[in-house]
Protein backbone atom coordinates (compact mmCIF):
# COMPACT_ATOMS: atom_id res chain seq x y z
CA MET A 1 19.13 -19.79 -5.19
CA ASP A 2 19.90 -17.01 -7.88
CA HIS A 3 20.79 -14.89 -5.93
CA PRO A 4 22.98 -12.28 -8.81
CA ASP A 5 19.61 -12.79 -10.54
CA ARG A 6 17.59 -11.31 -7.65
CA LEU A 7 19.77 -8.37 -6.90
CA LYS A 8 19.84 -7.28 -10.58
CA ARG A 9 16.06 -7.39 -10.74
CA LEU A 10 16.04 -5.13 -8.00
CA GLN A 11 19.03 -2.85 -9.62
CA SER A 12 16.22 -2.68 -12.22
CA ALA A 13 13.17 -1.87 -9.69
CA LEU A 14 15.64 1.11 -8.63
CA ALA A 15 16.09 2.77 -11.64
CA GLU A 16 12.24 3.10 -12.42
CA GLU A 17 11.93 4.58 -9.08
CA ARG A 18 14.57 7.40 -9.45
CA LEU A 19 16.86 6.24 -6.97
CA ASP A 20 20.69 6.11 -7.34
CA GLY A 21 20.87 3.01 -4.25
CA LEU A 22 19.23 1.00 -1.69
CA LEU A 23 20.32 0.57 1.91
CA VAL A 24 18.97 -2.68 3.07
CA THR A 25 18.86 -3.15 6.80
CA ASN A 26 16.19 -6.22 7.01
CA LEU A 27 18.07 -8.88 7.37
CA PRO A 28 14.79 -11.16 5.99
CA ASN A 29 16.41 -9.24 2.75
CA ILE A 30 19.36 -9.67 3.30
CA ARG A 31 18.90 -13.36 3.25
CA TYR A 32 16.84 -12.88 -0.04
CA LEU A 33 19.05 -11.04 -2.48
CA CYS A 34 22.74 -12.42 -1.32
CA GLY A 35 22.34 -15.72 0.69
CA PHE A 36 23.69 -14.61 3.98
CA THR A 37 22.17 -15.64 7.11
CA GLY A 38 23.84 -14.05 10.18
CA SER A 39 22.81 -11.38 12.53
CA ALA A 40 24.48 -8.21 12.07
CA ALA A 41 24.49 -7.33 8.43
CA VAL A 42 23.91 -4.36 6.03
CA LEU A 43 23.45 -4.15 2.08
CA VAL A 44 24.04 -1.75 -0.45
CA VAL A 45 22.60 -1.85 -3.79
CA VAL A 46 23.66 0.87 -6.29
CA ALA A 47 21.20 0.84 -8.98
CA GLN A 48 23.91 1.56 -12.03
CA GLY A 49 26.90 -0.75 -10.22
CA SER A 50 27.47 -3.08 -7.91
CA CYS A 51 26.47 -4.40 -4.61
CA TYR A 52 28.22 -4.15 -1.04
CA PHE A 53 27.88 -6.22 1.93
CA PHE A 54 29.00 -5.28 5.31
CA THR A 55 29.13 -6.90 8.56
CA ASP A 56 31.46 -7.34 11.58
CA GLY A 57 34.74 -9.70 12.39
CA ARG A 58 32.42 -12.40 14.11
CA TYR A 59 30.46 -13.18 10.76
CA ALA A 60 34.02 -13.26 7.84
CA GLU A 61 34.10 -16.89 8.02
CA GLN A 62 30.27 -17.00 7.20
CA ALA A 63 30.08 -14.13 4.94
CA ARG A 64 32.88 -15.62 2.76
CA GLU A 65 30.76 -18.39 2.28
CA GLU A 66 27.43 -17.34 2.32
CA VAL A 67 27.15 -14.14 0.31
CA LEU A 68 26.49 -14.55 -3.13
CA GLY A 69 26.81 -11.57 -6.12
CA ALA A 70 27.88 -8.58 -3.38
CA LYS A 71 30.95 -7.84 -2.41
CA ILE A 72 32.11 -8.31 1.20
CA LYS A 73 33.86 -5.38 3.34
CA VAL A 74 34.15 -6.53 6.72
CA HIS A 75 34.89 -3.79 9.60
CA ARG A 76 35.28 -3.85 13.15
CA LYS A 77 32.31 -1.31 13.43
CA ALA A 78 28.63 -2.36 13.81
CA ALA A 79 27.08 -2.84 9.77
CA LEU A 80 25.47 0.03 9.52
CA ALA A 81 28.25 2.72 10.92
CA ALA A 82 30.66 0.64 8.35
CA ALA A 83 28.51 0.93 5.39
CA SER A 84 27.45 4.81 6.60
CA ASP A 85 31.01 6.12 6.66
CA TRP A 86 31.55 4.03 3.43
CA LEU A 87 29.15 5.48 1.38
CA ALA A 88 30.50 9.32 2.91
CA GLY A 89 33.77 8.66 1.02
CA ARG A 90 32.24 7.20 -2.11
CA ARG A 91 30.99 10.40 -4.14
CA LYS A 92 32.46 8.74 -6.82
CA LEU A 93 29.30 6.49 -6.80
CA GLY A 94 27.10 9.14 -7.73
CA LEU A 95 24.57 8.42 -5.04
CA LYS A 96 22.73 11.13 -4.58
CA ARG A 97 18.81 9.64 -4.01
CA LEU A 98 19.66 6.70 -1.94
CA GLY A 99 16.57 4.78 -0.61
CA ALA A 100 16.26 3.00 2.45
CA GLU A 101 13.97 0.89 4.21
CA GLY A 102 11.76 3.34 6.54
CA ASP A 103 10.15 0.06 8.54
CA HIS A 104 13.81 -1.46 9.34
CA LEU A 105 15.55 1.97 10.42
CA SER A 106 14.88 3.60 13.46
CA LEU A 107 14.50 7.13 13.73
CA ALA A 108 17.80 7.83 15.67
CA GLU A 109 19.58 5.41 12.98
CA GLY A 110 18.20 7.72 10.05
CA GLU A 111 19.07 10.58 11.84
CA ARG A 112 22.97 9.76 12.16
CA LEU A 113 22.80 8.49 8.27
CA LYS A 114 21.65 11.70 7.03
CA LYS A 115 24.71 13.30 9.01
CA VAL A 116 27.27 11.29 8.25
CA LEU A 117 26.41 11.50 4.39
CA GLY A 118 25.99 15.10 4.39
CA ALA A 119 23.72 17.52 2.35
CA GLY A 120 25.02 15.91 -1.18
CA VAL A 121 22.79 12.68 -0.65
CA ARG A 122 19.39 12.90 -0.10
CA LEU A 123 18.18 9.74 1.84
CA ARG A 124 14.20 8.70 1.07
CA GLN A 125 12.03 6.22 2.20
CA ALA A 126 11.99 3.54 -0.14
CA SER A 127 8.89 1.49 -1.40
CA PRO A 128 8.95 -1.99 -0.24
CA LEU A 129 10.76 -3.24 -3.48
CA VAL A 130 12.12 -6.44 -1.89
CA GLU A 131 9.30 -7.05 -0.06
CA ARG A 132 8.00 -7.16 -3.42
CA GLN A 133 9.98 -9.25 -5.01
CA ARG A 134 9.19 -12.07 -2.22
CA MET A 135 5.94 -11.89 -2.97
CA VAL A 136 6.33 -14.62 -5.84
CA LYS A 137 8.31 -17.53 -4.92
CA ASP A 138 10.59 -19.54 -7.31
CA ALA A 139 10.43 -23.05 -7.75
CA GLU A 140 13.41 -23.50 -5.45
CA GLU A 141 11.41 -21.48 -2.59
CA ILE A 142 8.15 -23.62 -3.48
CA GLY A 143 10.39 -26.73 -2.70
CA ARG A 144 11.71 -25.86 0.62
CA LEU A 145 8.37 -24.41 1.54
CA ARG A 146 6.66 -27.70 0.80
CA GLN A 147 9.28 -29.66 2.94
CA ALA A 148 8.59 -27.09 5.72
CA VAL A 149 5.16 -28.02 5.28
CA ARG A 150 5.19 -31.79 5.27
CA LEU A 151 7.85 -31.43 8.59
CA GLY A 152 4.74 -29.09 10.33
CA ALA A 153 1.96 -31.32 9.38
CA SER A 154 4.18 -34.29 11.15
CA LEU A 155 3.78 -32.69 14.54
CA PHE A 156 -0.24 -33.13 14.54
CA ASP A 157 0.50 -36.45 15.14
CA ILE A 158 2.23 -35.54 18.35
CA ALA A 159 -0.45 -33.16 19.33
CA LEU A 160 -3.16 -35.78 19.19
CA LYS A 161 -1.28 -38.30 21.00
CA THR A 162 -0.78 -36.16 23.60
CA ILE A 163 -4.04 -33.86 23.78
CA ARG A 164 -6.04 -35.47 26.64
CA PRO A 165 -8.51 -33.58 29.71
CA GLY A 166 -5.93 -32.72 32.49
CA VAL A 167 -2.80 -32.21 30.54
CA SER A 168 -1.36 -28.92 30.13
CA GLU A 169 -1.31 -27.21 26.89
CA VAL A 170 2.04 -26.37 27.52
CA ARG A 171 2.98 -29.82 27.63
CA VAL A 172 1.26 -30.59 23.88
CA ALA A 173 3.51 -27.52 22.80
CA ALA A 174 6.86 -28.86 24.02
CA GLU A 175 5.94 -32.52 22.44
CA MET A 176 4.76 -30.90 19.15
CA GLU A 177 8.49 -28.19 19.53
CA TYR A 178 10.94 -31.11 21.10
CA ALA A 179 9.61 -33.47 17.78
CA ALA A 180 10.32 -30.81 15.31
CA ARG A 181 13.92 -30.10 16.73
CA GLN A 182 14.25 -33.91 16.39
CA ALA A 183 13.27 -34.10 12.99
CA GLY A 184 16.07 -31.34 11.85
CA ALA A 185 13.87 -28.23 12.16
CA GLU A 186 15.75 -24.64 13.03
CA GLY A 187 12.97 -23.91 15.13
CA MET A 188 9.38 -22.89 15.57
CA SER A 189 7.62 -20.40 13.19
CA PHE A 190 6.35 -18.66 15.92
CA GLU A 191 5.17 -19.45 19.58
CA THR A 192 2.89 -22.72 18.95
CA ILE A 193 -0.69 -22.10 20.05
CA ILE A 194 -2.59 -24.50 21.83
CA ALA A 195 -5.68 -22.98 23.12
CA ALA A 196 -7.98 -24.73 24.60
CA GLY A 197 -12.02 -25.09 25.98
CA GLU A 198 -12.82 -21.07 26.51
CA ARG A 199 -9.47 -20.14 25.55
CA SER A 200 -9.91 -21.77 22.28
CA ALA A 201 -12.18 -18.08 21.88
CA LEU A 202 -8.68 -16.47 22.02
CA PRO A 203 -7.49 -15.68 18.34
CA HIS A 204 -3.68 -16.33 19.59
CA GLY A 205 -3.90 -17.98 23.09
CA ARG A 206 -0.20 -18.99 23.08
CA ALA A 207 -0.21 -22.35 24.88
CA SER A 208 -0.44 -21.84 28.67
CA THR A 209 -0.07 -24.03 32.03
CA ALA A 210 -3.93 -24.12 31.71
CA ALA A 211 -5.09 -27.87 31.62
CA ILE A 212 -6.89 -28.85 29.13
CA PRO A 213 -10.94 -29.25 29.98
CA ALA A 214 -13.00 -32.84 29.55
CA ARG A 215 -14.96 -30.97 26.36
CA GLY A 216 -14.40 -28.91 24.32
CA PHE A 217 -12.75 -27.11 20.86
CA VAL A 218 -8.73 -26.82 21.63
CA VAL A 219 -7.19 -24.87 18.36
CA CYS A 220 -3.75 -26.19 17.67
CA ASP A 221 -1.74 -23.60 15.61
CA PHE A 222 1.99 -24.06 14.74
CA GLY A 223 4.87 -24.06 12.11
CA VAL A 224 8.66 -24.82 11.67
CA ILE A 225 11.58 -23.23 9.98
CA LEU A 226 13.34 -25.42 7.24
CA ALA A 227 16.02 -24.50 5.48
CA GLY A 228 14.77 -20.78 6.14
CA TYR A 229 11.47 -21.30 5.12
CA CYS A 230 8.30 -21.27 7.56
CA SER A 231 5.34 -23.42 7.60
CA ASP A 232 2.11 -22.54 9.34
CA MET A 233 -0.90 -24.67 9.96
CA THR A 234 -4.00 -24.60 12.07
CA ARG A 235 -6.29 -27.50 13.27
CA THR A 236 -9.31 -27.30 15.73
CA VAL A 237 -10.28 -30.94 17.45
CA TYR A 238 -12.52 -31.25 19.97
CA VAL A 239 -12.46 -33.05 23.32
CA GLY A 240 -15.19 -35.02 24.29
CA GLN A 241 -18.74 -35.42 21.96
CA PRO A 242 -19.25 -32.24 20.32
CA THR A 243 -22.82 -30.60 20.95
CA GLY A 244 -24.76 -29.94 17.64
CA ALA A 245 -24.12 -26.46 17.87
CA ASP A 246 -20.36 -27.41 18.18
CA ARG A 247 -20.12 -29.40 14.96
CA GLU A 248 -22.54 -26.57 13.49
CA ILE A 249 -20.02 -24.09 14.04
CA TYR A 250 -17.01 -26.02 13.12
CA ASP A 251 -18.41 -26.94 9.55
CA ALA A 252 -19.14 -23.23 9.01
CA VAL A 253 -15.17 -22.58 9.50
CA ARG A 254 -14.71 -25.62 7.04
CA GLU A 255 -17.36 -24.42 4.48
CA ALA A 256 -15.81 -20.94 4.68
CA GLN A 257 -12.30 -22.18 4.94
CA GLN A 258 -12.86 -23.88 1.74
CA ALA A 259 -15.24 -21.51 -0.46
CA ALA A 260 -11.58 -18.93 0.10
CA VAL A 261 -9.27 -22.00 -0.87
CA GLU A 262 -11.68 -22.16 -4.12
CA ALA A 263 -11.33 -18.24 -4.74
CA VAL A 264 -7.83 -17.78 -4.77
CA GLN A 265 -7.23 -17.68 -8.82
CA PRO A 266 -3.95 -15.50 -10.34
CA GLY A 267 -5.44 -12.34 -11.43
CA LYS A 268 -7.87 -11.73 -8.45
CA PRO A 269 -7.25 -9.12 -5.88
CA VAL A 270 -6.53 -11.08 -2.98
CA GLY A 271 -9.91 -9.62 -0.90
CA GLU A 272 -11.79 -11.21 -2.92
CA VAL A 273 -10.12 -14.30 -1.24
CA ASP A 274 -11.18 -12.75 1.83
CA ARG A 275 -14.65 -11.78 0.85
CA ALA A 276 -15.42 -15.17 0.16
CA ALA A 277 -14.78 -16.23 3.66
CA ARG A 278 -16.94 -14.00 5.16
CA ASN A 279 -19.57 -14.39 2.97
CA VAL A 280 -20.12 -17.69 4.29
CA LEU A 281 -19.74 -16.94 8.04
CA LYS A 282 -22.39 -14.04 7.34
CA LYS A 283 -24.61 -16.64 6.04
CA LYS A 284 -24.26 -18.66 9.12
CA GLY A 285 -24.73 -16.12 11.60
CA LEU A 286 -21.04 -15.91 12.42
CA ALA A 287 -19.66 -12.89 10.94
CA ARG A 288 -19.14 -11.06 13.68
CA TYR A 289 -16.71 -13.85 15.68
CA PHE A 290 -14.36 -13.64 12.87
CA THR A 291 -11.94 -11.22 13.60
CA HIS A 292 -8.77 -11.09 11.84
CA SER A 293 -7.69 -10.92 8.09
CA THR A 294 -8.37 -14.24 6.28
CA GLY A 295 -4.58 -15.18 5.39
CA HIS A 296 -1.00 -13.89 5.02
CA GLY A 297 1.89 -14.40 2.68
CA VAL A 298 4.79 -16.96 4.15
CA GLY A 299 8.33 -17.40 3.15
CA LEU A 300 11.61 -16.47 5.15
CA GLU A 301 9.21 -15.03 7.52
CA ILE A 302 6.07 -15.86 8.88
CA HIS A 303 4.02 -12.95 7.77
CA GLU A 304 5.10 -11.82 4.52
CA ALA A 305 3.35 -9.95 1.55
CA PRO A 306 0.78 -9.98 0.57
CA ARG A 307 -1.96 -9.32 3.24
CA VAL A 308 -5.51 -11.35 2.74
CA ALA A 309 -7.51 -9.01 4.29
CA ALA A 310 -11.15 -7.05 3.54
CA ALA A 311 -10.11 -3.97 0.55
CA GLN A 312 -6.48 -5.70 -0.31
CA ASN A 313 -6.19 -4.64 -3.88
CA GLU A 314 -3.19 -6.93 -4.10
CA ILE A 315 -3.43 -8.64 -7.43
CA LEU A 316 -2.41 -13.12 -6.95
CA GLN A 317 -0.04 -13.98 -9.22
CA PRO A 318 1.58 -17.47 -9.88
CA GLY A 319 4.17 -18.54 -7.18
CA MET A 320 2.57 -16.73 -4.13
CA VAL A 321 2.41 -18.91 -1.50
CA ILE A 322 -0.34 -17.88 1.18
CA THR A 323 -2.48 -19.23 4.26
CA ILE A 324 -6.15 -19.51 4.55
CA GLU A 325 -7.08 -19.55 8.16
CA PRO A 326 -10.61 -17.76 8.67
CA GLY A 327 -12.04 -18.51 12.04
CA VAL A 328 -14.88 -18.02 14.68
CA TYR A 329 -13.90 -17.01 18.26
CA ILE A 330 -17.27 -16.97 20.63
CA PRO A 331 -16.11 -15.39 23.80
CA GLY A 332 -17.05 -17.87 27.10
CA ARG A 333 -17.58 -20.51 24.59
CA GLY A 334 -14.31 -21.60 22.22
CA GLY A 335 -13.30 -20.83 18.80
CA VAL A 336 -12.39 -22.95 15.47
CA ARG A 337 -9.87 -22.07 13.06
CA ILE A 338 -8.91 -24.01 10.04
CA GLU A 339 -5.27 -23.21 8.33
CA ASP A 340 -3.61 -24.19 5.26
CA MET A 341 -0.82 -22.98 3.02
CA VAL A 342 -1.68 -22.65 -0.80
CA VAL A 343 0.51 -21.84 -3.70
CA VAL A 344 -0.85 -19.84 -6.48
CA LYS A 345 -1.00 -21.71 -9.78
CA GLU A 346 -1.52 -20.70 -13.72
CA GLN A 347 -4.99 -21.72 -13.11
CA GLY A 348 -6.53 -22.13 -9.35
CA CYS A 349 -4.06 -22.96 -6.37
CA GLU A 350 -2.73 -25.88 -4.85
CA VAL A 351 -3.21 -27.15 -0.98
CA LEU A 352 0.14 -27.72 0.21
CA THR A 353 -0.81 -28.98 3.99
CA PRO A 354 -1.34 -32.46 3.59
CA VAL A 355 -3.65 -32.68 6.57
CA PRO A 356 -7.45 -33.67 6.46
CA LYS A 357 -9.75 -31.27 8.08
CA GLU A 358 -12.87 -33.33 9.00
CA LEU A 359 -13.29 -32.82 12.97
CA MET A 360 -11.31 -34.94 14.69
CA THR A 361 -12.61 -36.15 18.56
CA ILE A 362 -10.35 -36.68 21.19
């Protein structure tokens, strides 16, 4: 990863926003900018100067091994307190307008920071500059995402072998998660969703102790973290023999998902991808049962920008990696969701998820 280049691009963006520096407190942003993977750090990026990385003694050796492009400062104090004190004593840096990540700084922390910095420094909430950089992945990031997607997809075979009437949802999830760890995953991207029967109508029906019924849909939504990058996929299977109406619901979601995939084009607003999926479900009389956005960005975090939803105007760019995941959820009956990760190309997109989407029965 070219961390020094990422820092240089951020410094240029700070100058455009008329900020003298940025206080980075969001750990995924810190990892993206300088490579640090620990759990306690602050990064000070000076627009017309160097970058300074703060952590405590627990991470001294790790910081020396991982941090690139920033000067390392190890203190006994918590990272934010150490960075605040250091900034207060560095008037010569000329940080009169200091940006902060408002979504990742508590009100109490902000007040203490203002007090330490004094009247000479104006603390401003910065726009999501780092998150905007992270939206477009470089070749190495896309390579890591491919590997995470492949590992995650392999877990679907475990699900198919384990899903049986009477088996608990948590048993299915446990078998998948154990296999993920054995295969080298750092962890799961999120709490595994196995939702069977009527529970499949819960969009975020995390695996419970409920037994899989003799008949009905089973929504399987899962992902892994590998080399820091996340995967995310959903497949819906059917236990028993589906009715004609059940097949129609599944086919409608599959058609909506394919329409959204085909709508992914560089230069288009993400809202058009969402619209493509909803238009299909509207024609099928199922639009009211699609209750969430069509997708989201994926990278160091499982949910990143851009948000693929109605009225969102972010323009798709080559290198963006997003999910396409429409669903239909009918209370008292069940639900279906199909999800792939795709990377935006110079023309159209490439589906990364290597798993068929035909309805599988068990």
